[in-house]
Amino acid sequence: TGNPKTGEDYGPAPNIDHRNESIRNDIKEWLNYLRDEIGFRGWRFDFVKGYNGVYSGEYVEATRPFLAFGEFWDTCSYTDGILEYDQRNHRQRTCNWVDASG
C-alpha cells in the first residue's frame, strides 16, 4: 500500500505492508479464524526478517496461540570459507528481532 518496508526483501514472496492497520487487522482476523474455526493451535511466521518483529508480537498478542515462533534465517560470519568463532553479530541480530516481537 505504499509504506516503506520494515525488513529485508524476499523475492519469491510478496511484500505485505504490515504498517497498514487494515492489513494487520485482516491478518489478525484470519489467524483468529484459523484458531477458532479450523482448530489451529499455533503460528509459524515465515521469513520474519522481512518485517519488524513488533508486528509478529501484535499478531500473537491479538490471537493468543498455544505456540508461536518465527523463522529467522541469518548469515553467519566466515573468513576464507571458514566459520568464524565470534558470531556475536549474528546472535545479536536474532536477539534484536526477538526483543522487538515482545
Protein backbone atom coordinates (compact mmCIF):
# COMPACT_ATOMS: atom_id res chain seq x y z
CA THR A 1 0.00 0.00 0.00
CA GLY A 2 2.99 2.25 -0.38
CA ASN A 3 4.61 2.34 3.04
CA PRO A 4 8.37 1.78 3.32
CA LYS A 5 9.48 -1.77 4.08
CA THR A 6 10.30 -2.71 7.65
CA GLY A 7 12.62 -5.61 6.80
CA GLU A 8 14.57 -7.41 4.10
CA ASP A 9 13.35 -8.41 0.64
CA TYR A 10 12.42 -11.97 -0.25
CA GLY A 11 11.97 -12.40 -3.99
CA PRO A 12 9.72 -15.49 -4.08
CA ALA A 13 7.05 -13.93 -1.84
CA PRO A 14 5.04 -10.71 -1.98
CA ASN A 15 5.84 -7.84 0.35
CA ILE A 16 2.99 -7.35 2.82
CA ASP A 17 2.59 -3.82 4.18
CA HIS A 18 2.47 -4.56 7.90
CA ARG A 19 2.42 -0.82 8.63
CA ASN A 20 -1.10 -0.66 7.20
CA GLU A 21 -3.59 -1.08 10.06
CA SER A 22 -6.26 -2.54 7.77
CA ILE A 23 -3.88 -5.25 6.59
CA ARG A 24 -2.82 -6.05 10.16
CA ASN A 25 -6.46 -6.32 11.19
CA ASP A 26 -7.11 -8.71 8.29
CA ILE A 27 -4.17 -10.86 9.35
CA LYS A 28 -5.40 -10.99 12.96
CA GLU A 29 -8.92 -11.83 11.81
CA TRP A 30 -7.56 -14.64 9.62
CA LEU A 31 -5.41 -16.03 12.43
CA ASN A 32 -8.35 -15.96 14.85
CA TYR A 33 -10.45 -17.78 12.25
CA LEU A 34 -7.76 -20.44 11.87
CA ARG A 35 -7.63 -20.84 15.64
CA ASP A 36 -11.35 -20.73 16.43
CA GLU A 37 -12.94 -22.37 13.38
CA ILE A 38 -10.26 -24.67 11.98
CA GLY A 39 -8.54 -25.65 15.23
CA PHE A 40 -5.00 -24.39 14.70
CA ARG A 41 -3.16 -24.03 17.99
CA GLY A 42 -0.04 -22.20 16.91
CA TRP A 43 1.64 -19.97 14.36
CA ARG A 44 4.85 -20.29 12.37
CA PHE A 45 5.79 -16.91 10.94
CA ASP A 46 7.89 -17.35 7.80
CA PHE A 47 10.81 -15.11 6.85
CA VAL A 48 10.41 -12.79 9.82
CA LYS A 49 13.45 -10.80 8.69
CA GLY A 50 11.08 -9.42 6.07
CA TYR A 51 9.20 -7.28 8.59
CA ASN A 52 9.71 -5.74 12.01
CA GLY A 53 9.23 -8.13 14.92
CA VAL A 54 6.76 -5.77 16.55
CA TYR A 55 4.13 -6.98 14.07
CA SER A 56 4.53 -10.65 14.95
CA GLY A 57 4.21 -9.60 18.58
CA GLU A 58 0.98 -7.78 17.76
CA TYR A 59 -0.42 -10.84 15.95
CA VAL A 60 0.45 -13.15 18.83
CA GLU A 61 -0.99 -10.75 21.40
CA ALA A 62 -4.26 -10.44 19.45
CA THR A 63 -4.70 -14.17 18.80
CA ARG A 64 -3.18 -15.90 21.86
CA PRO A 65 -1.92 -19.11 20.23
CA PHE A 66 -0.64 -22.03 22.30
CA LEU A 67 2.71 -21.72 20.49
CA ALA A 68 4.23 -19.22 18.06
CA PHE A 69 7.66 -18.91 16.52
CA GLY A 70 9.34 -17.07 13.69
CA GLU A 71 11.70 -18.35 11.01
CA PHE A 72 14.72 -16.05 11.34
CA TRP A 73 17.46 -17.14 8.94
CA ASP A 74 20.57 -15.05 9.26
CA THR A 75 24.05 -15.10 7.78
CA CYS A 76 26.93 -16.23 9.94
CA SER A 77 30.39 -14.70 9.61
CA TYR A 78 33.04 -16.52 7.57
CA THR A 79 36.65 -15.83 6.66
CA ASP A 80 38.03 -17.61 3.59
CA GLY A 81 35.12 -20.05 3.71
CA ILE A 82 35.71 -20.96 7.37
CA LEU A 83 33.10 -20.20 10.01
CA GLU A 84 34.41 -17.59 12.40
CA TYR A 85 34.42 -18.36 16.11
CA ASP A 86 32.93 -14.99 17.05
CA GLN A 87 29.29 -14.93 15.99
CA ARG A 88 28.15 -12.14 18.31
CA ASN A 89 26.74 -10.01 15.49
CA HIS A 90 24.71 -12.96 14.19
CA ARG A 91 23.31 -13.70 17.65
CA GLN A 92 22.60 -10.04 18.33
CA ARG A 93 20.52 -9.63 15.15
CA THR A 94 18.44 -12.60 16.24
CA CYS A 95 18.06 -11.22 19.77
CA ASN A 96 17.05 -7.81 18.39
CA TRP A 97 14.21 -9.38 16.42
CA VAL A 98 13.05 -11.42 19.42
CA ASP A 99 13.14 -8.32 21.63
CA ALA A 100 11.09 -6.38 19.07
CA SER A 101 8.46 -9.11 18.95
CA GLY A 102 7.84 -8.79 22.67
